[in-house]
Each structure stands twice: as structure tokens, then as C-alpha cells.
PDBML (XML) file of the C-alpha atoms, coordinates in Angstrom:
<?xml version="1.0" encoding="UTF-8" ?>
<PDBx:datablock datablockName="MODEL"
   xmlns:PDBx="http://pdbml.pdb.org/schema/pdbx-v50.xsd"
   xmlns:xsi="http://www.w3.org/2001/XMLSchema-instance"
   xsi:schemaLocation="http://pdbml.pdb.org/schema/pdbx-v50.xsd pdbx-v50.xsd">
   <PDBx:atom_siteCategory>
      <PDBx:atom_site id="1">
         <PDBx:B_iso_or_equiv>0.00</PDBx:B_iso_or_equiv>
         <PDBx:Cartn_x>-44.065</PDBx:Cartn_x>
         <PDBx:Cartn_y>-231.004</PDBx:Cartn_y>
         <PDBx:Cartn_z>26.932</PDBx:Cartn_z>
         <PDBx:auth_asym_id>A</PDBx:auth_asym_id>
         <PDBx:auth_atom_id>CA</PDBx:auth_atom_id>
         <PDBx:auth_comp_id>ALA</PDBx:auth_comp_id>
         <PDBx:auth_seq_id>1</PDBx:auth_seq_id>
         <PDBx:group_PDB>ATOM</PDBx:group_PDB>
         <PDBx:label_alt_id xsi:nil="true" />
         <PDBx:label_asym_id>A</PDBx:label_asym_id>
         <PDBx:label_atom_id>CA</PDBx:label_atom_id>
         <PDBx:label_comp_id>ALA</PDBx:label_comp_id>
         <PDBx:label_entity_id>1</PDBx:label_entity_id>
         <PDBx:label_seq_id>1</PDBx:label_seq_id>
         <PDBx:occupancy>1.00</PDBx:occupancy>
         <PDBx:pdbx_PDB_model_num>1</PDBx:pdbx_PDB_model_num>
         <PDBx:type_symbol>C</PDBx:type_symbol>
      </PDBx:atom_site>
      <PDBx:atom_site id="2">
         <PDBx:B_iso_or_equiv>0.00</PDBx:B_iso_or_equiv>
         <PDBx:Cartn_x>-45.847</PDBx:Cartn_x>
         <PDBx:Cartn_y>-227.499</PDBx:Cartn_y>
         <PDBx:Cartn_z>27.495</PDBx:Cartn_z>
         <PDBx:auth_asym_id>A</PDBx:auth_asym_id>
         <PDBx:auth_atom_id>CA</PDBx:auth_atom_id>
         <PDBx:auth_comp_id>ASP</PDBx:auth_comp_id>
         <PDBx:auth_seq_id>2</PDBx:auth_seq_id>
         <PDBx:group_PDB>ATOM</PDBx:group_PDB>
         <PDBx:label_alt_id xsi:nil="true" />
         <PDBx:label_asym_id>A</PDBx:label_asym_id>
         <PDBx:label_atom_id>CA</PDBx:label_atom_id>
         <PDBx:label_comp_id>ASP</PDBx:label_comp_id>
         <PDBx:label_entity_id>1</PDBx:label_entity_id>
         <PDBx:label_seq_id>2</PDBx:label_seq_id>
         <PDBx:occupancy>1.00</PDBx:occupancy>
         <PDBx:pdbx_PDB_model_num>1</PDBx:pdbx_PDB_model_num>
         <PDBx:type_symbol>C</PDBx:type_symbol>
      </PDBx:atom_site>
      <PDBx:atom_site id="3">
         <PDBx:B_iso_or_equiv>0.00</PDBx:B_iso_or_equiv>
         <PDBx:Cartn_x>-49.645</PDBx:Cartn_x>
         <PDBx:Cartn_y>-229.070</PDBx:Cartn_y>
         <PDBx:Cartn_z>28.013</PDBx:Cartn_z>
         <PDBx:auth_asym_id>A</PDBx:auth_asym_id>
         <PDBx:auth_atom_id>CA</PDBx:auth_atom_id>
         <PDBx:auth_comp_id>LEU</PDBx:auth_comp_id>
         <PDBx:auth_seq_id>3</PDBx:auth_seq_id>
         <PDBx:group_PDB>ATOM</PDBx:group_PDB>
         <PDBx:label_alt_id xsi:nil="true" />
         <PDBx:label_asym_id>A</PDBx:label_asym_id>
         <PDBx:label_atom_id>CA</PDBx:label_atom_id>
         <PDBx:label_comp_id>LEU</PDBx:label_comp_id>
         <PDBx:label_entity_id>1</PDBx:label_entity_id>
         <PDBx:label_seq_id>3</PDBx:label_seq_id>
         <PDBx:occupancy>1.00</PDBx:occupancy>
         <PDBx:pdbx_PDB_model_num>1</PDBx:pdbx_PDB_model_num>
         <PDBx:type_symbol>C</PDBx:type_symbol>
      </PDBx:atom_site>
      <PDBx:atom_site id="4">
         <PDBx:B_iso_or_equiv>0.00</PDBx:B_iso_or_equiv>
         <PDBx:Cartn_x>-51.164</PDBx:Cartn_x>
         <PDBx:Cartn_y>-229.721</PDBx:Cartn_y>
         <PDBx:Cartn_z>30.540</PDBx:Cartn_z>
         <PDBx:auth_asym_id>A</PDBx:auth_asym_id>
         <PDBx:auth_atom_id>CA</PDBx:auth_atom_id>
         <PDBx:auth_comp_id>ASP</PDBx:auth_comp_id>
         <PDBx:auth_seq_id>4</PDBx:auth_seq_id>
         <PDBx:group_PDB>ATOM</PDBx:group_PDB>
         <PDBx:label_alt_id xsi:nil="true" />
         <PDBx:label_asym_id>A</PDBx:label_asym_id>
         <PDBx:label_atom_id>CA</PDBx:label_atom_id>
         <PDBx:label_comp_id>ASP</PDBx:label_comp_id>
         <PDBx:label_entity_id>1</PDBx:label_entity_id>
         <PDBx:label_seq_id>4</PDBx:label_seq_id>
         <PDBx:occupancy>1.00</PDBx:occupancy>
         <PDBx:pdbx_PDB_model_num>1</PDBx:pdbx_PDB_model_num>
         <PDBx:type_symbol>C</PDBx:type_symbol>
      </PDBx:atom_site>
      <PDBx:atom_site id="5">
         <PDBx:B_iso_or_equiv>0.00</PDBx:B_iso_or_equiv>
         <PDBx:Cartn_x>-51.928</PDBx:Cartn_x>
         <PDBx:Cartn_y>-233.193</PDBx:Cartn_y>
         <PDBx:Cartn_z>29.515</PDBx:Cartn_z>
         <PDBx:auth_asym_id>A</PDBx:auth_asym_id>
         <PDBx:auth_atom_id>CA</PDBx:auth_atom_id>
         <PDBx:auth_comp_id>LEU</PDBx:auth_comp_id>
         <PDBx:auth_seq_id>5</PDBx:auth_seq_id>
         <PDBx:group_PDB>ATOM</PDBx:group_PDB>
         <PDBx:label_alt_id xsi:nil="true" />
         <PDBx:label_asym_id>A</PDBx:label_asym_id>
         <PDBx:label_atom_id>CA</PDBx:label_atom_id>
         <PDBx:label_comp_id>LEU</PDBx:label_comp_id>
         <PDBx:label_entity_id>1</PDBx:label_entity_id>
         <PDBx:label_seq_id>5</PDBx:label_seq_id>
         <PDBx:occupancy>1.00</PDBx:occupancy>
         <PDBx:pdbx_PDB_model_num>1</PDBx:pdbx_PDB_model_num>
         <PDBx:type_symbol>C</PDBx:type_symbol>
      </PDBx:atom_site>
      <PDBx:atom_site id="6">
         <PDBx:B_iso_or_equiv>0.00</PDBx:B_iso_or_equiv>
         <PDBx:Cartn_x>-53.645</PDBx:Cartn_x>
         <PDBx:Cartn_y>-235.951</PDBx:Cartn_y>
         <PDBx:Cartn_z>32.054</PDBx:Cartn_z>
         <PDBx:auth_asym_id>A</PDBx:auth_asym_id>
         <PDBx:auth_atom_id>CA</PDBx:auth_atom_id>
         <PDBx:auth_comp_id>SER</PDBx:auth_comp_id>
         <PDBx:auth_seq_id>6</PDBx:auth_seq_id>
         <PDBx:group_PDB>ATOM</PDBx:group_PDB>
         <PDBx:label_alt_id xsi:nil="true" />
         <PDBx:label_asym_id>A</PDBx:label_asym_id>
         <PDBx:label_atom_id>CA</PDBx:label_atom_id>
         <PDBx:label_comp_id>SER</PDBx:label_comp_id>
         <PDBx:label_entity_id>1</PDBx:label_entity_id>
         <PDBx:label_seq_id>6</PDBx:label_seq_id>
         <PDBx:occupancy>1.00</PDBx:occupancy>
         <PDBx:pdbx_PDB_model_num>1</PDBx:pdbx_PDB_model_num>
         <PDBx:type_symbol>C</PDBx:type_symbol>
      </PDBx:atom_site>
      <PDBx:atom_site id="7">
         <PDBx:B_iso_or_equiv>0.00</PDBx:B_iso_or_equiv>
         <PDBx:Cartn_x>-52.472</PDBx:Cartn_x>
         <PDBx:Cartn_y>-238.818</PDBx:Cartn_y>
         <PDBx:Cartn_z>29.638</PDBx:Cartn_z>
         <PDBx:auth_asym_id>A</PDBx:auth_asym_id>
         <PDBx:auth_atom_id>CA</PDBx:auth_atom_id>
         <PDBx:auth_comp_id>ALA</PDBx:auth_comp_id>
         <PDBx:auth_seq_id>7</PDBx:auth_seq_id>
         <PDBx:group_PDB>ATOM</PDBx:group_PDB>
         <PDBx:label_alt_id xsi:nil="true" />
         <PDBx:label_asym_id>A</PDBx:label_asym_id>
         <PDBx:label_atom_id>CA</PDBx:label_atom_id>
         <PDBx:label_comp_id>ALA</PDBx:label_comp_id>
         <PDBx:label_entity_id>1</PDBx:label_entity_id>
         <PDBx:label_seq_id>7</PDBx:label_seq_id>
         <PDBx:occupancy>1.00</PDBx:occupancy>
         <PDBx:pdbx_PDB_model_num>1</PDBx:pdbx_PDB_model_num>
         <PDBx:type_symbol>C</PDBx:type_symbol>
      </PDBx:atom_site>
      <PDBx:atom_site id="8">
         <PDBx:B_iso_or_equiv>0.00</PDBx:B_iso_or_equiv>
         <PDBx:Cartn_x>-48.953</PDBx:Cartn_x>
         <PDBx:Cartn_y>-239.666</PDBx:Cartn_y>
         <PDBx:Cartn_z>27.877</PDBx:Cartn_z>
         <PDBx:auth_asym_id>A</PDBx:auth_asym_id>
         <PDBx:auth_atom_id>CA</PDBx:auth_atom_id>
         <PDBx:auth_comp_id>PHE</PDBx:auth_comp_id>
         <PDBx:auth_seq_id>8</PDBx:auth_seq_id>
         <PDBx:group_PDB>ATOM</PDBx:group_PDB>
         <PDBx:label_alt_id xsi:nil="true" />
         <PDBx:label_asym_id>A</PDBx:label_asym_id>
         <PDBx:label_atom_id>CA</PDBx:label_atom_id>
         <PDBx:label_comp_id>PHE</PDBx:label_comp_id>
         <PDBx:label_entity_id>1</PDBx:label_entity_id>
         <PDBx:label_seq_id>8</PDBx:label_seq_id>
         <PDBx:occupancy>1.00</PDBx:occupancy>
         <PDBx:pdbx_PDB_model_num>1</PDBx:pdbx_PDB_model_num>
         <PDBx:type_symbol>C</PDBx:type_symbol>
      </PDBx:atom_site>
      <PDBx:atom_site id="9">
         <PDBx:B_iso_or_equiv>0.00</PDBx:B_iso_or_equiv>
         <PDBx:Cartn_x>-49.031</PDBx:Cartn_x>
         <PDBx:Cartn_y>-243.527</PDBx:Cartn_y>
         <PDBx:Cartn_z>26.948</PDBx:Cartn_z>
         <PDBx:auth_asym_id>A</PDBx:auth_asym_id>
         <PDBx:auth_atom_id>CA</PDBx:auth_atom_id>
         <PDBx:auth_comp_id>VAL</PDBx:auth_comp_id>
         <PDBx:auth_seq_id>9</PDBx:auth_seq_id>
         <PDBx:group_PDB>ATOM</PDBx:group_PDB>
         <PDBx:label_alt_id xsi:nil="true" />
         <PDBx:label_asym_id>A</PDBx:label_asym_id>
         <PDBx:label_atom_id>CA</PDBx:label_atom_id>
         <PDBx:label_comp_id>VAL</PDBx:label_comp_id>
         <PDBx:label_entity_id>1</PDBx:label_entity_id>
         <PDBx:label_seq_id>9</PDBx:label_seq_id>
         <PDBx:occupancy>1.00</PDBx:occupancy>
         <PDBx:pdbx_PDB_model_num>1</PDBx:pdbx_PDB_model_num>
         <PDBx:type_symbol>C</PDBx:type_symbol>
      </PDBx:atom_site>
      <PDBx:atom_site id="10">
         <PDBx:B_iso_or_equiv>0.00</PDBx:B_iso_or_equiv>
         <PDBx:Cartn_x>-46.585</PDBx:Cartn_x>
         <PDBx:Cartn_y>-245.519</PDBx:Cartn_y>
         <PDBx:Cartn_z>24.973</PDBx:Cartn_z>
         <PDBx:auth_asym_id>A</PDBx:auth_asym_id>
         <PDBx:auth_atom_id>CA</PDBx:auth_atom_id>
         <PDBx:auth_comp_id>LEU</PDBx:auth_comp_id>
         <PDBx:auth_seq_id>10</PDBx:auth_seq_id>
         <PDBx:group_PDB>ATOM</PDBx:group_PDB>
         <PDBx:label_alt_id xsi:nil="true" />
         <PDBx:label_asym_id>A</PDBx:label_asym_id>
         <PDBx:label_atom_id>CA</PDBx:label_atom_id>
         <PDBx:label_comp_id>LEU</PDBx:label_comp_id>
         <PDBx:label_entity_id>1</PDBx:label_entity_id>
         <PDBx:label_seq_id>10</PDBx:label_seq_id>
         <PDBx:occupancy>1.00</PDBx:occupancy>
         <PDBx:pdbx_PDB_model_num>1</PDBx:pdbx_PDB_model_num>
         <PDBx:type_symbol>C</PDBx:type_symbol>
      </PDBx:atom_site>
      <PDBx:atom_site id="11">
         <PDBx:B_iso_or_equiv>0.00</PDBx:B_iso_or_equiv>
         <PDBx:Cartn_x>-47.265</PDBx:Cartn_x>
         <PDBx:Cartn_y>-249.063</PDBx:Cartn_y>
         <PDBx:Cartn_z>23.594</PDBx:Cartn_z>
         <PDBx:auth_asym_id>A</PDBx:auth_asym_id>
         <PDBx:auth_atom_id>CA</PDBx:auth_atom_id>
         <PDBx:auth_comp_id>PHE</PDBx:auth_comp_id>
         <PDBx:auth_seq_id>11</PDBx:auth_seq_id>
         <PDBx:group_PDB>ATOM</PDBx:group_PDB>
         <PDBx:label_alt_id xsi:nil="true" />
         <PDBx:label_asym_id>A</PDBx:label_asym_id>
         <PDBx:label_atom_id>CA</PDBx:label_atom_id>
         <PDBx:label_comp_id>PHE</PDBx:label_comp_id>
         <PDBx:label_entity_id>1</PDBx:label_entity_id>
         <PDBx:label_seq_id>11</PDBx:label_seq_id>
         <PDBx:occupancy>1.00</PDBx:occupancy>
         <PDBx:pdbx_PDB_model_num>1</PDBx:pdbx_PDB_model_num>
         <PDBx:type_symbol>C</PDBx:type_symbol>
      </PDBx:atom_site>
      <PDBx:atom_site id="12">
         <PDBx:B_iso_or_equiv>0.00</PDBx:B_iso_or_equiv>
         <PDBx:Cartn_x>-44.030</PDBx:Cartn_x>
         <PDBx:Cartn_y>-250.637</PDBx:Cartn_y>
         <PDBx:Cartn_z>24.324</PDBx:Cartn_z>
         <PDBx:auth_asym_id>A</PDBx:auth_asym_id>
         <PDBx:auth_atom_id>CA</PDBx:auth_atom_id>
         <PDBx:auth_comp_id>SER</PDBx:auth_comp_id>
         <PDBx:auth_seq_id>12</PDBx:auth_seq_id>
         <PDBx:group_PDB>ATOM</PDBx:group_PDB>
         <PDBx:label_alt_id xsi:nil="true" />
         <PDBx:label_asym_id>A</PDBx:label_asym_id>
         <PDBx:label_atom_id>CA</PDBx:label_atom_id>
         <PDBx:label_comp_id>SER</PDBx:label_comp_id>
         <PDBx:label_entity_id>1</PDBx:label_entity_id>
         <PDBx:label_seq_id>12</PDBx:label_seq_id>
         <PDBx:occupancy>1.00</PDBx:occupancy>
         <PDBx:pdbx_PDB_model_num>1</PDBx:pdbx_PDB_model_num>
         <PDBx:type_symbol>C</PDBx:type_symbol>
      </PDBx:atom_site>
      <PDBx:atom_site id="13">
         <PDBx:B_iso_or_equiv>0.00</PDBx:B_iso_or_equiv>
         <PDBx:Cartn_x>-43.585</PDBx:Cartn_x>
         <PDBx:Cartn_y>-254.451</PDBx:Cartn_y>
         <PDBx:Cartn_z>24.478</PDBx:Cartn_z>
         <PDBx:auth_asym_id>A</PDBx:auth_asym_id>
         <PDBx:auth_atom_id>CA</PDBx:auth_atom_id>
         <PDBx:auth_comp_id>SER</PDBx:auth_comp_id>
         <PDBx:auth_seq_id>13</PDBx:auth_seq_id>
         <PDBx:group_PDB>ATOM</PDBx:group_PDB>
         <PDBx:label_alt_id xsi:nil="true" />
         <PDBx:label_asym_id>A</PDBx:label_asym_id>
         <PDBx:label_atom_id>CA</PDBx:label_atom_id>
         <PDBx:label_comp_id>SER</PDBx:label_comp_id>
         <PDBx:label_entity_id>1</PDBx:label_entity_id>
         <PDBx:label_seq_id>13</PDBx:label_seq_id>
         <PDBx:occupancy>1.00</PDBx:occupancy>
         <PDBx:pdbx_PDB_model_num>1</PDBx:pdbx_PDB_model_num>
         <PDBx:type_symbol>C</PDBx:type_symbol>
      </PDBx:atom_site>
      <PDBx:atom_site id="14">
         <PDBx:B_iso_or_equiv>0.00</PDBx:B_iso_or_equiv>
         <PDBx:Cartn_x>-42.459</PDBx:Cartn_x>
         <PDBx:Cartn_y>-257.358</PDBx:Cartn_y>
         <PDBx:Cartn_z>26.356</PDBx:Cartn_z>
         <PDBx:auth_asym_id>A</PDBx:auth_asym_id>
         <PDBx:auth_atom_id>CA</PDBx:auth_atom_id>
         <PDBx:auth_comp_id>ALA</PDBx:auth_comp_id>
         <PDBx:auth_seq_id>14</PDBx:auth_seq_id>
         <PDBx:group_PDB>ATOM</PDBx:group_PDB>
         <PDBx:label_alt_id xsi:nil="true" />
         <PDBx:label_asym_id>A</PDBx:label_asym_id>
         <PDBx:label_atom_id>CA</PDBx:label_atom_id>
         <PDBx:label_comp_id>ALA</PDBx:label_comp_id>
         <PDBx:label_entity_id>1</PDBx:label_entity_id>
         <PDBx:label_seq_id>14</PDBx:label_seq_id>
         <PDBx:occupancy>1.00</PDBx:occupancy>
         <PDBx:pdbx_PDB_model_num>1</PDBx:pdbx_PDB_model_num>
         <PDBx:type_symbol>C</PDBx:type_symbol>
      </PDBx:atom_site>
      <PDBx:atom_site id="15">
         <PDBx:B_iso_or_equiv>0.00</PDBx:B_iso_or_equiv>
         <PDBx:Cartn_x>-39.636</PDBx:Cartn_x>
         <PDBx:Cartn_y>-257.861</PDBx:Cartn_y>
         <PDBx:Cartn_z>23.636</PDBx:Cartn_z>
         <PDBx:auth_asym_id>A</PDBx:auth_asym_id>
         <PDBx:auth_atom_id>CA</PDBx:auth_atom_id>
         <PDBx:auth_comp_id>GLY</PDBx:auth_comp_id>
         <PDBx:auth_seq_id>15</PDBx:auth_seq_id>
         <PDBx:group_PDB>ATOM</PDBx:group_PDB>
         <PDBx:label_alt_id xsi:nil="true" />
         <PDBx:label_asym_id>A</PDBx:label_asym_id>
         <PDBx:label_atom_id>CA</PDBx:label_atom_id>
         <PDBx:label_comp_id>GLY</PDBx:label_comp_id>
         <PDBx:label_entity_id>1</PDBx:label_entity_id>
         <PDBx:label_seq_id>15</PDBx:label_seq_id>
         <PDBx:occupancy>1.00</PDBx:occupancy>
         <PDBx:pdbx_PDB_model_num>1</PDBx:pdbx_PDB_model_num>
         <PDBx:type_symbol>C</PDBx:type_symbol>
      </PDBx:atom_site>
      <PDBx:atom_site id="16">
         <PDBx:B_iso_or_equiv>0.00</PDBx:B_iso_or_equiv>
         <PDBx:Cartn_x>-37.870</PDBx:Cartn_x>
         <PDBx:Cartn_y>-254.726</PDBx:Cartn_y>
         <PDBx:Cartn_z>25.248</PDBx:Cartn_z>
         <PDBx:auth_asym_id>A</PDBx:auth_asym_id>
         <PDBx:auth_atom_id>CA</PDBx:auth_atom_id>
         <PDBx:auth_comp_id>GLY</PDBx:auth_comp_id>
         <PDBx:auth_seq_id>16</PDBx:auth_seq_id>
         <PDBx:group_PDB>ATOM</PDBx:group_PDB>
         <PDBx:label_alt_id xsi:nil="true" />
         <PDBx:label_asym_id>A</PDBx:label_asym_id>
         <PDBx:label_atom_id>CA</PDBx:label_atom_id>
         <PDBx:label_comp_id>GLY</PDBx:label_comp_id>
         <PDBx:label_entity_id>1</PDBx:label_entity_id>
         <PDBx:label_seq_id>16</PDBx:label_seq_id>
         <PDBx:occupancy>1.00</PDBx:occupancy>
         <PDBx:pdbx_PDB_model_num>1</PDBx:pdbx_PDB_model_num>
         <PDBx:type_symbol>C</PDBx:type_symbol>
      </PDBx:atom_site>
      <PDBx:atom_site id="17">
         <PDBx:B_iso_or_equiv>0.00</PDBx:B_iso_or_equiv>
         <PDBx:Cartn_x>-36.894</PDBx:Cartn_x>
         <PDBx:Cartn_y>-256.828</PDBx:Cartn_y>
         <PDBx:Cartn_z>28.075</PDBx:Cartn_z>
         <PDBx:auth_asym_id>A</PDBx:auth_asym_id>
         <PDBx:auth_atom_id>CA</PDBx:auth_atom_id>
         <PDBx:auth_comp_id>LEU</PDBx:auth_comp_id>
         <PDBx:auth_seq_id>17</PDBx:auth_seq_id>
         <PDBx:group_PDB>ATOM</PDBx:group_PDB>
         <PDBx:label_alt_id xsi:nil="true" />
         <PDBx:label_asym_id>A</PDBx:label_asym_id>
         <PDBx:label_atom_id>CA</PDBx:label_atom_id>
         <PDBx:label_comp_id>LEU</PDBx:label_comp_id>
         <PDBx:label_entity_id>1</PDBx:label_entity_id>
         <PDBx:label_seq_id>17</PDBx:label_seq_id>
         <PDBx:occupancy>1.00</PDBx:occupancy>
         <PDBx:pdbx_PDB_model_num>1</PDBx:pdbx_PDB_model_num>
         <PDBx:type_symbol>C</PDBx:type_symbol>
      </PDBx:atom_site>
      <PDBx:atom_site id="18">
         <PDBx:B_iso_or_equiv>0.00</PDBx:B_iso_or_equiv>
         <PDBx:Cartn_x>-37.784</PDBx:Cartn_x>
         <PDBx:Cartn_y>-260.776</PDBx:Cartn_y>
         <PDBx:Cartn_z>27.533</PDBx:Cartn_z>
         <PDBx:auth_asym_id>A</PDBx:auth_asym_id>
         <PDBx:auth_atom_id>CA</PDBx:auth_atom_id>
         <PDBx:auth_comp_id>VAL</PDBx:auth_comp_id>
         <PDBx:auth_seq_id>18</PDBx:auth_seq_id>
         <PDBx:group_PDB>ATOM</PDBx:group_PDB>
         <PDBx:label_alt_id xsi:nil="true" />
         <PDBx:label_asym_id>A</PDBx:label_asym_id>
         <PDBx:label_atom_id>CA</PDBx:label_atom_id>
         <PDBx:label_comp_id>VAL</PDBx:label_comp_id>
         <PDBx:label_entity_id>1</PDBx:label_entity_id>
         <PDBx:label_seq_id>18</PDBx:label_seq_id>
         <PDBx:occupancy>1.00</PDBx:occupancy>
         <PDBx:pdbx_PDB_model_num>1</PDBx:pdbx_PDB_model_num>
         <PDBx:type_symbol>C</PDBx:type_symbol>
      </PDBx:atom_site>
      <PDBx:atom_site id="19">
         <PDBx:B_iso_or_equiv>0.00</PDBx:B_iso_or_equiv>
         <PDBx:Cartn_x>-37.662</PDBx:Cartn_x>
         <PDBx:Cartn_y>-263.237</PDBx:Cartn_y>
         <PDBx:Cartn_z>25.045</PDBx:Cartn_z>
         <PDBx:auth_asym_id>A</PDBx:auth_asym_id>
         <PDBx:auth_atom_id>CA</PDBx:auth_atom_id>
         <PDBx:auth_comp_id>LEU</PDBx:auth_comp_id>
         <PDBx:auth_seq_id>19</PDBx:auth_seq_id>
         <PDBx:group_PDB>ATOM</PDBx:group_PDB>
         <PDBx:label_alt_id xsi:nil="true" />
         <PDBx:label_asym_id>A</PDBx:label_asym_id>
         <PDBx:label_atom_id>CA</PDBx:label_atom_id>
         <PDBx:label_comp_id>LEU</PDBx:label_comp_id>
         <PDBx:label_entity_id>1</PDBx:label_entity_id>
         <PDBx:label_seq_id>19</PDBx:label_seq_id>
         <PDBx:occupancy>1.00</PDBx:occupancy>
         <PDBx:pdbx_PDB_model_num>1</PDBx:pdbx_PDB_model_num>
         <PDBx:type_symbol>C</PDBx:type_symbol>
      </PDBx:atom_site>
      <PDBx:atom_site id="20">
         <PDBx:B_iso_or_equiv>0.00</PDBx:B_iso_or_equiv>
         <PDBx:Cartn_x>-36.906</PDBx:Cartn_x>
         <PDBx:Cartn_y>-260.823</PDBx:Cartn_y>
         <PDBx:Cartn_z>21.994</PDBx:Cartn_z>
         <PDBx:auth_asym_id>A</PDBx:auth_asym_id>
         <PDBx:auth_atom_id>CA</PDBx:auth_atom_id>
         <PDBx:auth_comp_id>ALA</PDBx:auth_comp_id>
         <PDBx:auth_seq_id>20</PDBx:auth_seq_id>
         <PDBx:group_PDB>ATOM</PDBx:group_PDB>
         <PDBx:label_alt_id xsi:nil="true" />
         <PDBx:label_asym_id>A</PDBx:label_asym_id>
         <PDBx:label_atom_id>CA</PDBx:label_atom_id>
         <PDBx:label_comp_id>ALA</PDBx:label_comp_id>
         <PDBx:label_entity_id>1</PDBx:label_entity_id>
         <PDBx:label_seq_id>20</PDBx:label_seq_id>
         <PDBx:occupancy>1.00</PDBx:occupancy>
         <PDBx:pdbx_PDB_model_num>1</PDBx:pdbx_PDB_model_num>
         <PDBx:type_symbol>C</PDBx:type_symbol>
      </PDBx:atom_site>
      <PDBx:atom_site id="21">
         <PDBx:B_iso_or_equiv>0.00</PDBx:B_iso_or_equiv>
         <PDBx:Cartn_x>-34.563</PDBx:Cartn_x>
         <PDBx:Cartn_y>-263.269</PDBx:Cartn_y>
         <PDBx:Cartn_z>19.902</PDBx:Cartn_z>
         <PDBx:auth_asym_id>A</PDBx:auth_asym_id>
         <PDBx:auth_atom_id>CA</PDBx:auth_atom_id>
         <PDBx:auth_comp_id>ALA</PDBx:auth_comp_id>
         <PDBx:auth_seq_id>21</PDBx:auth_seq_id>
         <PDBx:group_PDB>ATOM</PDBx:group_PDB>
         <PDBx:label_alt_id xsi:nil="true" />
         <PDBx:label_asym_id>A</PDBx:label_asym_id>
         <PDBx:label_atom_id>CA</PDBx:label_atom_id>
         <PDBx:label_comp_id>ALA</PDBx:label_comp_id>
         <PDBx:label_entity_id>1</PDBx:label_entity_id>
         <PDBx:label_seq_id>21</PDBx:label_seq_id>
         <PDBx:occupancy>1.00</PDBx:occupancy>
         <PDBx:pdbx_PDB_model_num>1</PDBx:pdbx_PDB_model_num>
         <PDBx:type_symbol>C</PDBx:type_symbol>
      </PDBx:atom_site>
      <PDBx:atom_site id="22">
         <PDBx:B_iso_or_equiv>0.00</PDBx:B_iso_or_equiv>
         <PDBx:Cartn_x>-34.361</PDBx:Cartn_x>
         <PDBx:Cartn_y>-261.870</PDBx:Cartn_y>
         <PDBx:Cartn_z>16.263</PDBx:Cartn_z>
         <PDBx:auth_asym_id>A</PDBx:auth_asym_id>
         <PDBx:auth_atom_id>CA</PDBx:auth_atom_id>
         <PDBx:auth_comp_id>GLY</PDBx:auth_comp_id>
         <PDBx:auth_seq_id>22</PDBx:auth_seq_id>
         <PDBx:group_PDB>ATOM</PDBx:group_PDB>
         <PDBx:label_alt_id xsi:nil="true" />
         <PDBx:label_asym_id>A</PDBx:label_asym_id>
         <PDBx:label_atom_id>CA</PDBx:label_atom_id>
         <PDBx:label_comp_id>GLY</PDBx:label_comp_id>
         <PDBx:label_entity_id>1</PDBx:label_entity_id>
         <PDBx:label_seq_id>22</PDBx:label_seq_id>
         <PDBx:occupancy>1.00</PDBx:occupancy>
         <PDBx:pdbx_PDB_model_num>1</PDBx:pdbx_PDB_model_num>
         <PDBx:type_symbol>C</PDBx:type_symbol>
      </PDBx:atom_site>
      <PDBx:atom_site id="23">
         <PDBx:B_iso_or_equiv>0.00</PDBx:B_iso_or_equiv>
         <PDBx:Cartn_x>-36.288</PDBx:Cartn_x>
         <PDBx:Cartn_y>-258.693</PDBx:Cartn_y>
         <PDBx:Cartn_z>17.524</PDBx:Cartn_z>
         <PDBx:auth_asym_id>A</PDBx:auth_asym_id>
         <PDBx:auth_atom_id>CA</PDBx:auth_atom_id>
         <PDBx:auth_comp_id>GLN</PDBx:auth_comp_id>
         <PDBx:auth_seq_id>23</PDBx:auth_seq_id>
         <PDBx:group_PDB>ATOM</PDBx:group_PDB>
         <PDBx:label_alt_id xsi:nil="true" />
         <PDBx:label_asym_id>A</PDBx:label_asym_id>
         <PDBx:label_atom_id>CA</PDBx:label_atom_id>
         <PDBx:label_comp_id>GLN</PDBx:label_comp_id>
         <PDBx:label_entity_id>1</PDBx:label_entity_id>
         <PDBx:label_seq_id>23</PDBx:label_seq_id>
         <PDBx:occupancy>1.00</PDBx:occupancy>
         <PDBx:pdbx_PDB_model_num>1</PDBx:pdbx_PDB_model_num>
         <PDBx:type_symbol>C</PDBx:type_symbol>
      </PDBx:atom_site>
      <PDBx:atom_site id="24">
         <PDBx:B_iso_or_equiv>0.00</PDBx:B_iso_or_equiv>
         <PDBx:Cartn_x>-32.767</PDBx:Cartn_x>
         <PDBx:Cartn_y>-256.461</PDBx:Cartn_y>
         <PDBx:Cartn_z>17.799</PDBx:Cartn_z>
         <PDBx:auth_asym_id>A</PDBx:auth_asym_id>
         <PDBx:auth_atom_id>CA</PDBx:auth_atom_id>
         <PDBx:auth_comp_id>ALA</PDBx:auth_comp_id>
         <PDBx:auth_seq_id>24</PDBx:auth_seq_id>
         <PDBx:group_PDB>ATOM</PDBx:group_PDB>
         <PDBx:label_alt_id xsi:nil="true" />
         <PDBx:label_asym_id>A</PDBx:label_asym_id>
         <PDBx:label_atom_id>CA</PDBx:label_atom_id>
         <PDBx:label_comp_id>ALA</PDBx:label_comp_id>
         <PDBx:label_entity_id>1</PDBx:label_entity_id>
         <PDBx:label_seq_id>24</PDBx:label_seq_id>
         <PDBx:occupancy>1.00</PDBx:occupancy>
         <PDBx:pdbx_PDB_model_num>1</PDBx:pdbx_PDB_model_num>
         <PDBx:type_symbol>C</PDBx:type_symbol>
      </PDBx:atom_site>
      <PDBx:atom_site id="25">
         <PDBx:B_iso_or_equiv>0.00</PDBx:B_iso_or_equiv>
         <PDBx:Cartn_x>-34.622</PDBx:Cartn_x>
         <PDBx:Cartn_y>-253.052</PDBx:Cartn_y>
         <PDBx:Cartn_z>16.462</PDBx:Cartn_z>
         <PDBx:auth_asym_id>A</PDBx:auth_asym_id>
         <PDBx:auth_atom_id>CA</PDBx:auth_atom_id>
         <PDBx:auth_comp_id>SER</PDBx:auth_comp_id>
         <PDBx:auth_seq_id>25</PDBx:auth_seq_id>
         <PDBx:group_PDB>ATOM</PDBx:group_PDB>
         <PDBx:label_alt_id xsi:nil="true" />
         <PDBx:label_asym_id>A</PDBx:label_asym_id>
         <PDBx:label_atom_id>CA</PDBx:label_atom_id>
         <PDBx:label_comp_id>SER</PDBx:label_comp_id>
         <PDBx:label_entity_id>1</PDBx:label_entity_id>
         <PDBx:label_seq_id>25</PDBx:label_seq_id>
         <PDBx:occupancy>1.00</PDBx:occupancy>
         <PDBx:pdbx_PDB_model_num>1</PDBx:pdbx_PDB_model_num>
         <PDBx:type_symbol>C</PDBx:type_symbol>
      </PDBx:atom_site>
   </PDBx:atom_siteCategory>
</PDBx:datablock>
């Protein structure tokens, strides 16, 4: 947080938004 980063990229998933049946966690 105290560093001057030009990028902080998180690989998320569409499963957090749609079609996540059986993938609650």
C-alpha cells in the first residue's frame, strides 16, 4: 500500500458473477 505501484492486478473469475453453481467458496 505504501509503494508507488503502476499495477495491482487480481485474477478473479466470472464465477463470482454468473454461472457459479457448485462453486460457493
